[in-house]
Amino acid sequence: MRTSVCEIHVSSQPDSAYFLRVDWRGRGLGSGFQLLLTDGQDAWRGEVSEAAVRTEAEELEMQRERYIQDLQQALTGTGGSVTYSFTLTPSPPGPALTLAYEKVQKDISFRLGSVSLQAIPEPAEAVRELLVHSLQRGNTLEHQNQNLEEENQRLRREQQRITAELKRYTGGKEALEAELYSRFILVLNEKKAKIRSLQETVTHLQETRSSEGQKNKESVKSGQTEGQEEGEDEYGGSTDEEPEEEQSTPAPAAQSQDSSTPSPLDDSLRDITDVAPCRKRRVRHLAAPEPAVKRPTPQTSKGRRSDSPAGSSKQPTPQRPADAAAARSEAEDLFEDF
């Protein structure tokens, strides 16, 4: 059973004060509750069932949970900024009263419900119970307040201890940061010096490699130049022999020409009818071989300069046209004699 006691003011009696005690079971007033109202001299008691609470919520067209919340705030005085008003009206015949409770919101009030109260024959006993409950509730609240004070003291001491620990940790952190920073500076300077030395080493190696590469290129170029000079010397020596080979080639051609030319007997037989053309032809035949006879002269001179055996072997070849010319001249002289 849970109990709540609060002071209420009746709108019809603004100068009087009433004390309302509410007892209920469960988590809220939805399962029903009992009321005790007293002004210190008289007392009234009433009860509201669970069905009555449900009926009131349906009449107001409110959700049951929302209605129970507003009802509990009104009867226990926990509404806060929300204002609730109470009215007492006599219910004749007899000393019965009807307590109605309303919710005021923006100058508009609507009725939450009402309960019929019956007068208690011994109001002093009801007042005594109310005072006992109030004292017990006061003692309970005082004990809770004391516990809260002790808890606050403990939390305050814990806060002070944590603050001191935090300051100590902050000082240690700053000292550690300073030490680590100094060590980091030393390590960083060492790393920088090592990096500089490595860079200098790399630069020196690159310069050495470039100089070696340049020397290799120069040596390769000098070797290529010497090879070209030797090739030119060999090429110059070969040019002395090439004209001999080229000039030696016309010999077979001359032989083929000699073999292809008609014999002097055939010429003499064709020229028997007329002597004059024969003489002209003879002069032509005699004049033609002269270049062949004179041509071998430079070959012999070149052969002597080169001192090669090829020159001596090629000298007799130009004598063949001369022999052929001599034979033709003898044949022509013979035919002239005829």
Protein backbone atom coordinates (compact mmCIF):
# COMPACT_ATOMS: atom_id res chain seq x y z
CA MET A 1 0.00 0.00 0.00
CA ARG A 2 1.30 3.37 -0.98
CA THR A 3 0.20 6.56 0.75
CA SER A 4 0.36 10.23 -0.16
CA VAL A 5 -0.64 13.26 1.95
CA CYS A 6 -0.99 16.77 0.54
CA GLU A 7 -2.69 20.05 1.32
CA ILE A 8 -5.50 21.24 -0.92
CA HIS A 9 -7.52 24.42 -1.13
CA VAL A 10 -11.22 24.40 -1.83
CA SER A 11 -12.30 27.14 -4.18
CA SER A 12 -15.53 27.76 -2.25
CA GLN A 13 -13.59 28.22 1.03
CA PRO A 14 -10.36 30.07 0.18
CA ASP A 15 -9.50 30.81 3.84
CA SER A 16 -9.69 27.18 4.97
CA ALA A 17 -7.12 24.41 4.45
CA TYR A 18 -7.81 20.73 4.00
CA PHE A 19 -5.49 17.75 4.11
CA LEU A 20 -6.05 14.92 1.67
CA ARG A 21 -4.66 11.45 2.18
CA VAL A 22 -4.66 8.99 -0.75
CA ASP A 23 -3.97 5.26 -0.38
CA TRP A 24 -3.64 2.95 -3.41
CA ARG A 25 -2.23 -0.38 -4.41
CA GLY A 26 -0.13 -1.18 -7.43
CA ARG A 27 1.84 1.17 -9.64
CA GLY A 28 -0.85 3.84 -9.93
CA LEU A 29 -4.40 4.93 -9.23
CA GLY A 30 -5.79 2.88 -12.09
CA SER A 31 -6.62 -0.05 -9.84
CA GLY A 32 -8.67 2.15 -7.46
CA PHE A 33 -7.80 4.26 -4.41
CA GLN A 34 -9.12 5.48 -1.00
CA LEU A 35 -9.43 9.10 0.16
CA LEU A 36 -9.35 10.69 3.61
CA LEU A 37 -10.18 14.40 3.87
CA THR A 38 -9.93 16.41 7.10
CA ASP A 39 -9.80 20.01 8.20
CA GLY A 40 -8.38 19.14 11.66
CA GLN A 41 -11.81 18.88 13.31
CA ASP A 42 -13.93 16.74 11.04
CA ALA A 43 -12.96 13.96 8.70
CA TRP A 44 -14.53 12.29 5.65
CA ARG A 45 -13.64 9.08 3.92
CA GLY A 46 -14.39 7.84 0.39
CA GLU A 47 -13.32 5.23 -2.19
CA VAL A 48 -13.02 5.07 -6.01
CA SER A 49 -13.06 1.72 -7.76
CA GLU A 50 -11.14 0.64 -10.86
CA ALA A 51 -14.38 0.59 -12.88
CA ALA A 52 -15.12 4.17 -11.90
CA VAL A 53 -11.67 5.24 -13.08
CA ARG A 54 -12.23 3.48 -16.42
CA THR A 55 -15.69 5.08 -16.81
CA GLU A 56 -14.33 8.57 -16.14
CA ALA A 57 -11.60 8.09 -18.75
CA GLU A 58 -14.16 6.93 -21.32
CA GLU A 59 -16.48 9.87 -20.61
CA LEU A 60 -13.59 12.32 -21.10
CA GLU A 61 -12.50 10.44 -24.26
CA MET A 62 -8.93 10.27 -22.95
CA GLN A 63 -6.46 7.46 -22.99
CA ARG A 64 -6.51 5.54 -19.73
CA GLU A 65 -2.79 6.04 -19.05
CA ARG A 66 -3.04 9.77 -19.70
CA TYR A 67 -6.09 10.07 -17.43
CA ILE A 68 -4.43 8.12 -14.60
CA GLN A 69 -1.35 10.38 -14.84
CA ASP A 70 -3.45 13.57 -14.56
CA LEU A 71 -5.51 12.05 -11.71
CA GLN A 72 -2.42 11.13 -9.70
CA GLN A 73 -0.90 14.59 -10.17
CA ALA A 74 -4.11 16.22 -8.96
CA LEU A 75 -4.64 14.08 -5.84
CA THR A 76 -1.00 13.77 -4.72
CA GLY A 77 0.05 17.36 -5.42
CA THR A 78 2.82 16.46 -7.86
CA GLY A 79 1.43 18.44 -10.77
CA GLY A 80 4.17 21.04 -10.71
CA SER A 81 3.27 23.91 -13.01
CA VAL A 82 -0.12 22.41 -13.81
CA THR A 83 -2.93 23.86 -11.72
CA TYR A 84 -5.75 21.78 -10.25
CA SER A 85 -8.83 23.03 -8.40
CA PHE A 86 -11.11 21.28 -5.84
CA THR A 87 -14.72 21.88 -4.85
CA LEU A 88 -16.75 20.52 -1.90
CA THR A 89 -20.48 20.32 -2.16
CA PRO A 90 -22.85 18.87 0.44
CA SER A 91 -24.82 15.81 -0.54
CA PRO A 92 -28.10 15.85 1.41
CA PRO A 93 -29.50 14.21 3.32
CA GLY A 94 -26.78 13.75 5.89
CA PRO A 95 -23.32 15.10 6.41
CA ALA A 96 -21.94 13.54 3.18
CA LEU A 97 -19.85 15.66 0.83
CA THR A 98 -18.86 15.39 -2.81
CA LEU A 99 -15.25 16.23 -3.68
CA ALA A 100 -14.76 17.20 -7.34
CA TYR A 101 -11.33 17.81 -8.90
CA GLU A 102 -10.69 19.73 -12.11
CA LYS A 103 -7.67 20.54 -14.29
CA VAL A 104 -7.13 24.18 -15.17
CA GLN A 105 -5.27 24.91 -18.38
CA LYS A 106 -5.15 28.34 -20.06
CA ASP A 107 -8.13 29.65 -18.11
CA ILE A 108 -10.11 26.60 -19.13
CA SER A 109 -10.98 23.89 -16.62
CA PHE A 110 -12.40 20.47 -17.27
CA ARG A 111 -13.55 17.98 -14.68
CA LEU A 112 -11.37 14.94 -14.05
CA GLY A 113 -13.80 13.23 -11.65
CA SER A 114 -15.52 13.28 -8.30
CA VAL A 115 -15.85 11.10 -5.22
CA SER A 116 -18.50 10.87 -2.52
CA LEU A 117 -17.14 11.29 1.03
CA GLN A 118 -18.81 10.00 4.17
CA ALA A 119 -18.26 11.57 7.59
CA ILE A 120 -16.19 9.59 10.10
CA PRO A 121 -17.79 9.18 13.59
CA GLU A 122 -14.43 9.61 15.32
CA PRO A 123 -12.49 12.23 13.42
CA ALA A 124 -9.81 12.45 16.14
CA GLU A 125 -8.65 8.92 15.32
CA ALA A 126 -8.45 9.79 11.64
CA VAL A 127 -6.48 12.92 12.44
CA ARG A 128 -4.13 10.92 14.68
CA GLU A 129 -3.52 8.41 11.88
CA LEU A 130 -2.84 11.27 9.52
CA LEU A 131 -0.34 12.81 11.93
CA VAL A 132 1.39 9.48 12.51
CA HIS A 133 1.71 8.91 8.82
CA SER A 134 3.03 12.44 8.36
CA LEU A 135 5.63 11.90 11.09
CA GLN A 136 6.70 8.59 9.62
CA ARG A 137 6.91 10.13 6.22
CA GLY A 138 8.91 13.01 7.64
CA ASN A 139 11.32 10.64 9.37
CA THR A 140 11.69 8.63 6.20
CA LEU A 141 12.40 11.74 4.18
CA GLU A 142 14.87 12.94 6.80
CA HIS A 143 16.65 9.62 6.74
CA GLN A 144 16.78 9.72 2.98
CA ASN A 145 18.04 13.28 3.15
CA GLN A 146 20.77 12.23 5.56
CA ASN A 147 21.78 9.40 3.26
CA LEU A 148 21.87 11.81 0.37
CA GLU A 149 24.03 14.19 2.37
CA GLU A 150 26.46 11.40 3.18
CA GLU A 151 26.49 10.36 -0.44
CA ASN A 152 27.15 13.95 -1.45
CA GLN A 153 30.04 14.15 1.02
CA ARG A 154 31.50 10.94 -0.31
CA LEU A 155 31.12 12.14 -3.89
CA ARG A 156 32.72 15.47 -2.96
CA ARG A 157 35.72 13.71 -1.42
CA GLU A 158 35.95 11.46 -4.43
CA GLN A 159 35.86 14.50 -6.67
CA GLN A 160 38.67 16.14 -4.71
CA ARG A 161 40.75 12.96 -4.88
CA ILE A 162 40.12 12.63 -8.60
CA THR A 163 41.02 16.29 -9.11
CA ALA A 164 44.31 15.82 -7.24
CA GLU A 165 45.06 12.66 -9.22
CA LEU A 166 44.24 14.47 -12.42
CA LYS A 167 46.60 17.31 -11.55
CA ARG A 168 49.33 14.80 -10.70
CA TYR A 169 48.76 12.94 -13.94
CA THR A 170 48.80 16.23 -15.83
CA GLY A 171 52.16 17.17 -14.29
CA GLY A 172 53.59 13.73 -15.04
CA LYS A 173 52.28 13.90 -18.59
CA GLU A 174 53.87 17.29 -19.16
CA ALA A 175 57.20 16.07 -17.73
CA LEU A 176 57.03 12.94 -19.87
CA GLU A 177 56.22 15.00 -22.95
CA ALA A 178 59.20 17.27 -22.28
CA GLU A 179 61.52 14.29 -21.84
CA LEU A 180 60.19 12.54 -24.93
CA TYR A 181 60.49 15.75 -26.91
CA SER A 182 64.11 16.19 -25.89
CA ARG A 183 64.85 12.57 -26.84
CA PHE A 184 63.01 13.01 -30.08
CA ILE A 185 65.09 16.08 -30.90
CA LEU A 186 68.29 14.11 -30.32
CA VAL A 187 67.10 11.19 -32.43
CA LEU A 188 65.87 13.55 -35.13
CA ASN A 189 69.21 15.34 -35.29
CA GLU A 190 71.02 12.01 -35.56
CA LYS A 191 68.70 10.91 -38.34
CA LYS A 192 69.19 14.19 -40.17
CA ALA A 193 72.98 13.85 -39.92
CA LYS A 194 72.78 10.27 -41.19
CA ILE A 195 70.52 11.33 -44.05
CA ARG A 196 72.95 14.10 -44.99
CA SER A 197 75.88 11.67 -44.98
CA LEU A 198 73.90 9.21 -47.09
CA GLN A 199 72.98 11.97 -49.53
CA GLU A 200 76.63 12.99 -49.81
CA THR A 201 77.61 9.36 -50.40
CA VAL A 202 74.95 8.98 -53.07
CA THR A 203 76.06 12.21 -54.74
CA HIS A 204 79.69 11.06 -54.71
CA LEU A 205 78.73 7.69 -56.17
CA GLN A 206 76.67 9.36 -58.87
CA GLU A 207 79.55 11.66 -59.78
CA THR A 208 81.97 8.72 -59.84
CA ARG A 209 79.61 6.70 -61.99
CA SER A 210 79.06 9.60 -64.39
CA SER A 211 82.83 10.18 -64.69
CA GLU A 212 83.42 6.47 -65.30
CA GLY A 213 80.65 6.45 -67.87
CA GLN A 214 82.18 9.45 -69.60
CA LYS A 215 85.57 7.75 -69.65
CA ASN A 216 84.01 4.59 -71.05
CA LYS A 217 82.26 6.60 -73.74
CA GLU A 218 85.52 8.37 -74.64
CA SER A 219 87.39 5.05 -74.79
CA VAL A 220 84.65 3.56 -76.96
CA LYS A 221 84.75 6.58 -79.25
CA SER A 222 88.56 6.42 -79.52
CA GLY A 223 88.35 2.69 -80.30
CA GLN A 224 85.73 3.36 -82.96
CA THR A 225 87.92 6.13 -84.44
CA GLU A 226 90.95 3.83 -84.62
CA GLY A 227 88.82 1.12 -86.18
CA GLN A 228 87.53 3.56 -88.78
CA GLU A 229 91.08 4.71 -89.59
CA GLU A 230 92.23 1.12 -90.01
CA GLY A 231 89.20 0.44 -92.16
CA GLU A 232 89.97 3.46 -94.30
CA ASP A 233 93.57 2.27 -94.77
CA GLU A 234 92.35 -1.14 -95.78
CA TYR A 235 89.76 0.44 -98.03
CA GLY A 236 92.45 2.61 -99.66
CA GLY A 237 94.62 -0.46 -100.30
CA SER A 238 91.74 -2.30 -101.85
CA THR A 239 90.98 0.56 -104.21
CA ASP A 240 94.35 0.04 -105.88
CA GLU A 241 93.37 -3.48 -106.78
CA GLU A 242 89.77 -2.80 -107.71
CA PRO A 243 90.59 -0.91 -110.95
CA GLU A 244 92.86 -3.79 -111.96
CA GLU A 245 90.00 -6.22 -111.43
CA GLU A 246 87.65 -3.91 -113.25
CA GLN A 247 90.12 -3.39 -116.08
CA SER A 248 90.92 -7.05 -116.26
CA THR A 249 87.29 -7.88 -116.93
CA PRO A 250 87.22 -6.39 -120.48
CA ALA A 251 89.70 -9.05 -121.63
CA PRO A 252 87.10 -11.80 -121.95
CA ALA A 253 84.82 -9.27 -123.58
CA ALA A 254 87.54 -8.50 -126.11
CA GLN A 255 87.98 -12.20 -126.70
CA SER A 256 84.25 -12.58 -127.22
CA GLN A 257 84.38 -9.67 -129.66
CA ASP A 258 87.26 -11.30 -131.53
CA SER A 259 85.36 -14.55 -131.64
CA SER A 260 82.21 -12.86 -132.80
CA THR A 261 83.88 -10.70 -135.50
CA PRO A 262 84.00 -12.30 -138.97
CA SER A 263 87.26 -13.73 -140.22
CA PRO A 264 89.46 -11.71 -142.66
CA LEU A 265 88.76 -14.21 -145.39
CA ASP A 266 85.04 -13.47 -145.27
CA ASP A 267 85.76 -9.73 -145.37
CA SER A 268 88.10 -10.13 -148.32
CA LEU A 269 85.57 -12.19 -150.21
CA ARG A 270 82.91 -9.54 -149.71
CA ASP A 271 85.31 -6.75 -150.65
CA ILE A 272 86.61 -8.32 -153.90
CA THR A 273 84.07 -6.44 -156.03
CA ASP A 274 85.30 -3.08 -154.80
CA VAL A 275 88.80 -2.34 -153.49
CA ALA A 276 88.18 1.16 -152.17
CA PRO A 277 85.72 0.17 -149.49
CA CYS A 278 88.12 -2.55 -148.43
CA ARG A 279 90.85 -0.04 -147.84
CA LYS A 280 88.54 2.12 -145.80
CA ARG A 281 87.46 -0.91 -143.84
CA ARG A 282 91.06 -1.85 -143.33
CA VAL A 283 91.86 1.55 -141.98
CA ARG A 284 88.86 1.25 -139.66
CA HIS A 285 89.92 -2.20 -138.49
CA LEU A 286 93.45 -1.06 -137.94
CA ALA A 287 92.46 2.07 -136.05
CA ALA A 288 90.09 0.28 -133.71
CA PRO A 289 92.54 -1.92 -131.85
CA GLU A 290 94.81 1.00 -130.85
CA PRO A 291 92.91 1.90 -127.64
CA ALA A 292 93.01 -1.74 -126.62
CA VAL A 293 96.74 -1.71 -127.00
CA LYS A 294 97.16 1.55 -125.07
CA ARG A 295 94.72 0.64 -122.27
CA PRO A 296 96.95 -1.84 -120.48
CA THR A 297 99.54 0.89 -119.83
CA PRO A 298 97.95 2.29 -116.64
CA GLN A 299 97.25 -1.23 -115.44
CA THR A 300 100.90 -2.11 -115.62
CA SER A 301 101.85 1.11 -113.79
CA LYS A 302 99.32 0.43 -111.05
CA GLY A 303 100.47 -3.14 -110.86
CA ARG A 304 103.98 -1.97 -110.33
CA ARG A 305 102.91 0.36 -107.51
CA SER A 306 100.95 -2.32 -105.75
CA ASP A 307 103.67 -4.96 -106.45
CA SER A 308 100.94 -7.58 -106.72
CA PRO A 309 101.30 -10.64 -108.91
CA ALA A 310 97.96 -9.91 -110.45
CA GLY A 311 99.44 -7.08 -112.57
CA SER A 312 102.03 -9.32 -114.20
CA SER A 313 99.44 -11.96 -114.95
CA LYS A 314 97.13 -9.44 -116.59
CA GLN A 315 99.71 -7.75 -118.88
CA PRO A 316 99.68 -10.33 -121.76
CA THR A 317 95.91 -10.01 -122.25
CA PRO A 318 96.02 -6.73 -124.28
CA GLN A 319 98.36 -8.37 -126.91
CA ARG A 320 95.56 -10.48 -128.38
CA PRO A 321 93.89 -7.65 -130.34
CA ALA A 322 97.31 -6.66 -131.70
CA ASP A 323 97.89 -10.19 -133.03
CA ALA A 324 94.45 -10.20 -134.57
CA ALA A 325 95.12 -6.85 -136.23
CA ALA A 326 98.43 -8.07 -137.58
CA ALA A 327 96.77 -11.16 -138.98
CA ARG A 328 94.09 -9.09 -140.66
CA SER A 329 96.69 -6.74 -142.13
CA GLU A 330 98.65 -9.65 -143.55
CA ALA A 331 95.49 -11.13 -145.02
CA GLU A 332 94.54 -7.85 -146.60
CA ASP A 333 98.02 -7.46 -148.05
CA LEU A 334 97.70 -10.93 -149.42
CA PHE A 335 94.40 -10.12 -151.10
CA GLU A 336 95.84 -6.91 -152.46
CA ASP A 337 98.58 -8.91 -154.07
CA PHE A 338 95.91 -10.99 -155.65
